[in-house]
Structures are given as structure tokens and as C-alpha cells.
Amino acid sequence: MNVIRAWRADPAGTPLGGLVVVQEIFGANAHMRSVAERFAAEGHVAVVPAMFDPVESGIELGFDQDGSAKGRELAAALGFDRAVAIIDAAARLLRAFFGEHLR
């Protein structure tokens, strides 16, 4: 599998838990990063994997018809199995983090 970039937001104090934030059709954009930051402000480690990286890296699409159409194309090219594998990998990284830091 290709290297998948991700945005990680950490809380100021000891984390309460962790979660994977799955991007919308528009990519791991500024909006999704802000969602992760809001979870971090509530005490959670939040990771937003760039789901489209195996197909095309650095995707941040506009919130319009063209962006939506391109996002659907990228999602189809990515496929369900690769999407699940990316989410699983992000969850495993969080489990490893908590295994090392919260015991």
C-alpha cells in the first residue's frame, strides 16, 4: 500500500480517547482538519487519513458540483476494500499510541 498522509490533532492534556475522522467526498481538506481540531479540543486524539492518496495525493476539492463529481471518481477508483484498509490502519496507529501512552 502507498504511504497515506494524515492530519493528527492532539488534545492539550491527557487524551480521553482517540478516533478516526473519515473525510467527506471533498478530501482531507481544511474543513476535515477543523473537525479533528474540535475533537482534540474536547480531549480526544483525532486522525484524518487522506483517503484518496493511493489514487491521487493532496486532494482538496471545492464544495461544488465539479468537486463532488471528482470526489466520486476518486472514491470509485479507491474502492471499498482500500478505504476500509486505510481506516483500519489509522485505528491501529491510535491503538498503538494509547497502548504506549496511557498505561
Protein backbone atom coordinates (compact mmCIF):
# COMPACT_ATOMS: atom_id res chain seq x y z
CA MET A 1 0.00 0.00 0.00
CA ASN A 2 1.14 3.54 -0.66
CA VAL A 3 2.05 5.99 2.07
CA ILE A 4 -1.12 7.67 3.27
CA ARG A 5 -0.81 11.15 4.71
CA ALA A 6 -2.96 12.04 7.72
CA TRP A 7 -3.79 15.02 9.88
CA ARG A 8 -3.49 14.36 13.60
CA ALA A 9 -4.91 16.67 16.23
CA ASP A 10 -3.88 16.16 19.86
CA PRO A 11 -5.60 17.48 22.98
CA ALA A 12 -3.86 19.86 25.35
CA GLY A 13 -3.90 17.36 28.23
CA THR A 14 -4.07 13.63 28.69
CA PRO A 15 -6.24 12.17 25.92
CA LEU A 16 -9.64 10.75 26.81
CA GLY A 17 -9.56 8.51 23.75
CA GLY A 18 -8.94 8.52 20.05
CA LEU A 19 -10.92 8.43 16.87
CA VAL A 20 -10.54 8.24 13.13
CA VAL A 21 -12.33 11.04 11.31
CA VAL A 22 -13.31 9.85 7.83
CA GLN A 23 -13.16 12.55 5.19
CA GLU A 24 -16.07 13.67 3.09
CA ILE A 25 -16.05 13.30 -0.69
CA PHE A 26 -14.02 16.52 -0.93
CA GLY A 27 -10.81 15.11 0.58
CA ALA A 28 -8.88 15.61 3.81
CA ASN A 29 -9.37 19.35 3.48
CA ALA A 30 -9.36 22.31 5.86
CA HIS A 31 -12.90 21.52 6.98
CA MET A 32 -11.99 17.96 7.98
CA ARG A 33 -8.87 19.20 9.75
CA SER A 34 -11.05 21.65 11.70
CA VAL A 35 -13.35 18.78 12.68
CA ALA A 36 -10.30 16.92 14.04
CA GLU A 37 -9.20 20.04 15.94
CA ARG A 38 -12.64 20.32 17.54
CA PHE A 39 -12.44 16.71 18.74
CA ALA A 40 -8.97 17.46 20.13
CA ALA A 41 -10.36 20.50 21.96
CA GLU A 42 -12.80 18.08 23.65
CA GLY A 43 -9.91 15.86 24.78
CA HIS A 44 -9.51 13.28 22.02
CA VAL A 45 -6.69 12.39 19.65
CA ALA A 46 -8.22 12.67 16.17
CA VAL A 47 -6.69 11.35 12.94
CA VAL A 48 -7.95 12.26 9.46
CA PRO A 49 -6.35 9.95 6.88
CA ALA A 50 -6.10 11.33 3.34
CA MET A 51 -8.23 8.58 1.86
CA PHE A 52 -7.58 9.50 -1.78
CA ASP A 53 -3.76 9.39 -1.51
CA PRO A 54 -3.45 5.93 -3.15
CA VAL A 55 -5.25 7.33 -6.20
CA GLU A 56 -4.12 10.97 -6.20
CA SER A 57 -2.20 12.73 -3.46
CA GLY A 58 -3.04 16.12 -1.98
CA ILE A 59 -6.72 16.22 -2.88
CA GLU A 60 -8.73 19.14 -1.52
CA LEU A 61 -11.76 19.61 -3.73
CA GLY A 62 -14.17 22.53 -3.89
CA PHE A 63 -17.61 22.29 -2.32
CA ASP A 64 -19.33 22.43 -5.69
CA GLN A 65 -20.66 20.16 -8.43
CA ASP A 66 -17.23 19.70 -10.04
CA GLY A 67 -15.64 18.86 -6.69
CA SER A 68 -18.36 16.37 -5.90
CA ALA A 69 -18.01 14.71 -9.33
CA LYS A 70 -14.23 14.44 -8.98
CA GLY A 71 -14.61 13.07 -5.45
CA ARG A 72 -16.98 10.37 -6.68
CA GLU A 73 -14.46 9.40 -9.37
CA LEU A 74 -11.66 9.18 -6.81
CA ALA A 75 -13.83 7.19 -4.38
CA ALA A 76 -14.70 4.71 -7.13
CA ALA A 77 -11.02 4.38 -8.09
CA LEU A 78 -10.07 3.88 -4.42
CA GLY A 79 -12.65 1.18 -3.85
CA PHE A 80 -14.30 -0.03 -0.67
CA ASP A 81 -11.61 -2.52 0.37
CA ARG A 82 -8.77 0.02 0.19
CA ALA A 83 -10.88 2.58 2.05
CA VAL A 84 -11.53 0.11 4.86
CA ALA A 85 -7.83 -0.82 4.96
CA ILE A 86 -6.85 2.85 5.36
CA ILE A 87 -9.34 3.38 8.19
CA ASP A 88 -8.15 0.16 9.85
CA ALA A 89 -4.51 1.28 9.61
CA ALA A 90 -5.37 4.63 11.23
CA ALA A 91 -7.26 2.85 14.02
CA ARG A 92 -4.29 0.50 14.60
CA LEU A 93 -1.97 3.51 14.91
CA LEU A 94 -4.26 5.01 17.53
CA ARG A 95 -4.40 1.73 19.44
CA ALA A 96 -0.60 1.58 19.41
CA PHE A 97 -0.41 5.18 20.65
CA PHE A 98 -2.76 4.51 23.53
CA GLY A 99 -1.04 1.26 24.36
CA GLU A 100 2.22 3.15 24.81
CA HIS A 101 0.98 6.35 26.45
CA LEU A 102 -1.97 5.59 28.66
CA ARG A 103 -0.90 2.61 30.73
